[in-house]
Amino acid sequence: MSQTKASRGNPPLVPLGTLIGHELRSGKAEKPHVKYGQAALAKKGEDYFLVKLDCCRIPDDPASSFSVFAIFDGHNGISAAIFTKENLLNNVLSAIPQSASRDEWLQALPRALVAGFVKTDIEFQHKGETSGTTVTFVIIDGWTVTVASVGDSRCILDTQGGVVSLLTVDHRLEENVEERERVTASGGEVGRLNVFGANEVGPLRCWPGGLCLSRSIGDTDVGEFIVPVPHVKQVKLSNAGGRLIIASDGIWDALSSDMAANACRGLSADLAAKLVVKEALRSRGLKDDTTCLVVDIIPSNKLLLPPTQKKKQNFLGSIFGKKPLNGMSKATSKLSSVGAVEELFEEGSAMLDERLGKNIPPNQNSGVFRCAVCQVDQSSSADDVSANMGPFSTTSKPWEGPFLCPTCQKKKEAMEGKRAS
């Protein structure tokens, strides 16, 4: 940012590492409490959730702990939801160098989430099953919250300023124009169900398959243009804390983000989750599986979140648009002027070369290349390595993205479909 822009009242851009350094020097780095509540009602039995409070960046070091919360809303069966619940976290963590410091780990996390989602999808495809699942995956490390999502489950943030912010993007074809354009450009068709002898009915769907979503894990029978590449958003809360409500579409089809947040303010996380589910049931009835996680990020000197100051509710603008926040250094957009929530990263592109970056050079001294998605090492002597290796390419325009092994390169090309031609 130029000095001229900064002088007009906009704060200068501050790297995440600098923010963490300021915390350490000012004595405000003490980790908050993380308390959660969960509630659910089953209609089809295809919703699953994950809660892990004891994860560690450094093995057996409690000081490096972080928490994971996730919801998996399966469809056409439960196998994709179960497989993703069991494998996604390990696939994400395997994409982050073990030697990374905390700020390096947090900066690497958005890219690792993309790699982990795609790797999980590839592994599930090898099982030969056709079910699929949405995923909303939340990692909390101190005051930093990172959310990755595909599908139409949702995560909202309610700050102490009473401002409700959406941390995910709904990948429903009915509402998301950019995703409709991407799917058709990649070779899919978008339209409503055409009942013989009648008008088109129902929501917009992708054909073949008739899926209402443009992104998911699994769904091997509906075309590779239904991609597992997640929207990722990373924010840093103020030391006033905040509340996350993570829920499947059984909640959001019945309640707006404002309604869900307002319904449970002032309650513990456990009671809040139960009340959100109860309110959704009262509003719409049990039309779908309904699962809700409420997660409170609480200052270490408090047992509960302080009462929220009720302000006029506000949603993030351009939530479906791609925001040009390319990396951690462009990192001070405010979500809540009262809660001082800082936006550190947001990206939603479905193109892997945009999401995985172009600055991952191979280890040319050893002649070994590591796939940016599956993390498998491959020797440069292999016959098909040169297809996307840059220095070894014989084409006039070398590959500009990170190394992808043949399997992951094939996945990338299939997801882009007609775009690759």
Foldseek 3Di string as FASTA:
>chain_A
DDPVVVVVPDPAFDFPVVVCVVCVVVVNQDFFDKDKAKDWDADPPQKDKDWDFADALAPPDSLRTKIKIKMKRKDPDRPLVVLCNVQLVVQLSLLQDSPDDPSSRVQCNQLSNQLSLQLSLLVVVVVVDAMWIWMWMWMGGGQKIKIWTFAAWWKWKQFLQQEIETFFDHQFVQPFVVLQVQQVLQPWDWDADDDPPDHGDDGIAIPPVGHRGQEIRGRPPGFLLNYRRIWMWMKGWDLLWIKMKTKGVLLVVQDPSSRLCVQQFPHANRVSNVRSQVNSCVRPNPPRIIMIMMMTGHRHVDDGRPGGDNDPYDYDPPNSPADPLQGQSRKADAPDPVRRMITRDTGGDPQSQSSNDQPDAAPVVVQWFAASRRRDIDHVVDPPQLVAHFVSHPDPDHHRGGGHDPSVVVSNCRNSHNVVD
